[in-house]
Amino acid sequence: MDKRLLLLMLGLSLLLGFLQALRCYRCPHIIHDGSCKTKRTTCDASFGKECALFMRYEGDTLLYGSQDCRYFGRNISILECPFYISVSVCTKNFCNKFRDLQLKRDRCPSISILFPSHE
């Protein structure tokens, strides 16, 4: 009887641990230096949501970004020279921490490469 009760308690504790909400950082407006324009808080991602980090760059310069709990589903990177947009989603507690991207300067080819001079 004691073993069954112990197994039941172990099973319930695992189930409750599994059902805990995912915790994420929340900042509606990350400014150019990576800090939050307002107070950085946290959010609980309900079932189906993930932690998300959105960033928009011009060249190597961060223009703005945000952190939140969202239904998004996948990572996205969009390059429209000179702008670069990155949406990262993740499923571990506080995994949407802001980290400045180390962008390669050669992501956007220079005008001379696109239109070589014919001298």
Protein backbone atom coordinates (compact mmCIF):
# COMPACT_ATOMS: atom_id res chain seq x y z
CA MET A 1 0.00 0.00 0.00
CA ASP A 2 2.81 2.41 0.85
CA LYS A 3 4.46 1.83 -2.54
CA ARG A 4 1.24 2.60 -4.40
CA LEU A 5 0.74 5.81 -2.47
CA LEU A 6 4.34 6.82 -3.15
CA LEU A 7 3.91 6.12 -6.88
CA LEU A 8 0.66 8.10 -6.93
CA MET A 9 2.32 11.06 -5.22
CA LEU A 10 5.29 10.86 -7.61
CA GLY A 11 2.97 10.75 -10.62
CA LEU A 12 0.97 13.75 -9.40
CA SER A 13 4.10 15.78 -8.73
CA LEU A 14 5.39 15.05 -12.25
CA LEU A 15 2.03 15.99 -13.73
CA LEU A 16 1.89 19.26 -11.79
CA GLY A 17 5.45 20.09 -12.82
CA PHE A 18 4.52 19.45 -16.45
CA LEU A 19 1.45 21.67 -16.24
CA GLN A 20 3.33 24.71 -14.95
CA ALA A 21 3.15 27.66 -17.32
CA LEU A 22 6.13 28.72 -19.36
CA ARG A 23 7.61 31.96 -17.99
CA CYS A 24 8.83 34.62 -20.43
CA TYR A 25 10.21 38.14 -20.38
CA ARG A 26 7.80 40.85 -21.51
CA CYS A 27 8.82 44.23 -22.85
CA PRO A 28 6.57 45.96 -25.36
CA HIS A 29 9.36 48.24 -26.64
CA ILE A 30 13.08 47.44 -26.59
CA ILE A 31 15.03 50.52 -27.61
CA HIS A 32 18.28 50.86 -29.58
CA ASP A 33 20.58 50.10 -26.63
CA GLY A 34 18.73 46.87 -25.73
CA SER A 35 16.98 48.24 -22.66
CA CYS A 36 13.23 48.27 -22.16
CA LYS A 37 11.58 51.66 -22.73
CA THR A 38 9.06 50.79 -20.00
CA LYS A 39 9.53 48.36 -17.12
CA ARG A 40 10.51 44.83 -18.19
CA THR A 41 8.08 42.33 -16.65
CA THR A 42 7.25 38.66 -17.11
CA CYS A 43 4.32 36.76 -18.56
CA ASP A 44 3.00 33.21 -18.30
CA ALA A 45 2.62 31.55 -21.68
CA SER A 46 -0.64 29.65 -21.59
CA PHE A 47 -1.11 26.40 -23.50
CA GLY A 48 0.09 26.75 -27.09
CA LYS A 49 1.98 30.01 -26.53
CA GLU A 50 5.73 30.41 -26.57
CA CYS A 51 8.27 33.00 -25.51
CA ALA A 52 8.96 35.36 -28.41
CA LEU A 53 11.65 37.92 -29.16
CA PHE A 54 11.13 40.33 -32.06
CA MET A 55 13.98 42.58 -33.30
CA ARG A 56 14.31 45.01 -36.20
CA TYR A 57 17.69 46.23 -37.34
CA GLU A 58 18.89 48.73 -39.91
CA GLY A 59 22.29 47.45 -40.94
CA ASP A 60 23.99 46.57 -37.64
CA THR A 61 21.91 49.04 -35.59
CA LEU A 62 18.97 47.86 -33.51
CA LEU A 63 15.95 50.07 -34.22
CA TYR A 64 13.50 48.43 -31.81
CA GLY A 65 12.24 45.12 -30.53
CA SER A 66 9.83 43.43 -28.15
CA GLN A 67 9.53 40.41 -25.86
CA ASP A 68 6.26 38.62 -25.10
CA CYS A 69 4.24 35.42 -24.75
CA ARG A 70 2.66 34.67 -28.13
CA TYR A 71 1.14 32.11 -30.46
CA PHE A 72 3.74 32.24 -33.21
CA GLY A 73 5.05 28.80 -33.98
CA ARG A 74 8.37 29.32 -35.72
CA ASN A 75 11.48 31.44 -36.05
CA ILE A 76 11.51 33.94 -38.89
CA SER A 77 14.26 36.06 -40.39
CA ILE A 78 13.51 38.63 -43.08
CA LEU A 79 16.18 40.58 -44.92
CA GLU A 80 15.10 43.62 -46.93
CA CYS A 81 18.28 45.61 -47.28
CA PRO A 82 19.19 47.54 -45.27
CA PHE A 83 16.58 46.22 -42.80
CA TYR A 84 16.75 42.89 -41.01
CA ILE A 85 13.85 41.49 -38.95
CA SER A 86 14.21 38.53 -36.61
CA VAL A 87 11.45 36.74 -34.70
CA SER A 88 12.70 34.02 -32.35
CA VAL A 89 10.39 31.71 -30.42
CA CYS A 90 11.45 29.30 -27.71
CA THR A 91 10.00 26.97 -25.10
CA LYS A 92 12.19 27.22 -22.00
CA ASN A 93 11.64 29.57 -19.08
CA PHE A 94 13.00 33.06 -19.80
CA CYS A 95 14.57 31.95 -23.07
CA ASN A 96 13.54 35.17 -24.87
CA LYS A 97 16.29 37.19 -23.22
CA PHE A 98 17.50 40.03 -25.43
CA ARG A 99 20.86 39.32 -27.03
CA ASP A 100 22.12 41.72 -29.63
CA LEU A 101 22.64 39.93 -32.92
CA GLN A 102 26.12 39.85 -34.30
CA LEU A 103 25.15 40.72 -37.85
CA LYS A 104 27.61 40.26 -40.64
CA ARG A 105 28.24 43.50 -42.44
CA ASP A 106 28.12 41.70 -45.78
CA ARG A 107 24.43 40.68 -45.45
CA CYS A 108 23.41 43.45 -47.82
CA PRO A 109 25.65 43.72 -50.87
CA SER A 110 26.92 47.15 -51.68
CA ILE A 111 25.59 49.04 -54.67
CA SER A 112 28.88 48.50 -56.52
CA ILE A 113 28.41 44.72 -56.26
CA LEU A 114 24.82 44.92 -57.51
CA PHE A 115 25.67 47.26 -60.38
CA PRO A 116 29.34 46.89 -61.28
CA SER A 117 30.79 49.74 -63.26
CA HIS A 118 31.63 48.96 -66.88
CA GLU A 119 34.59 51.16 -67.48
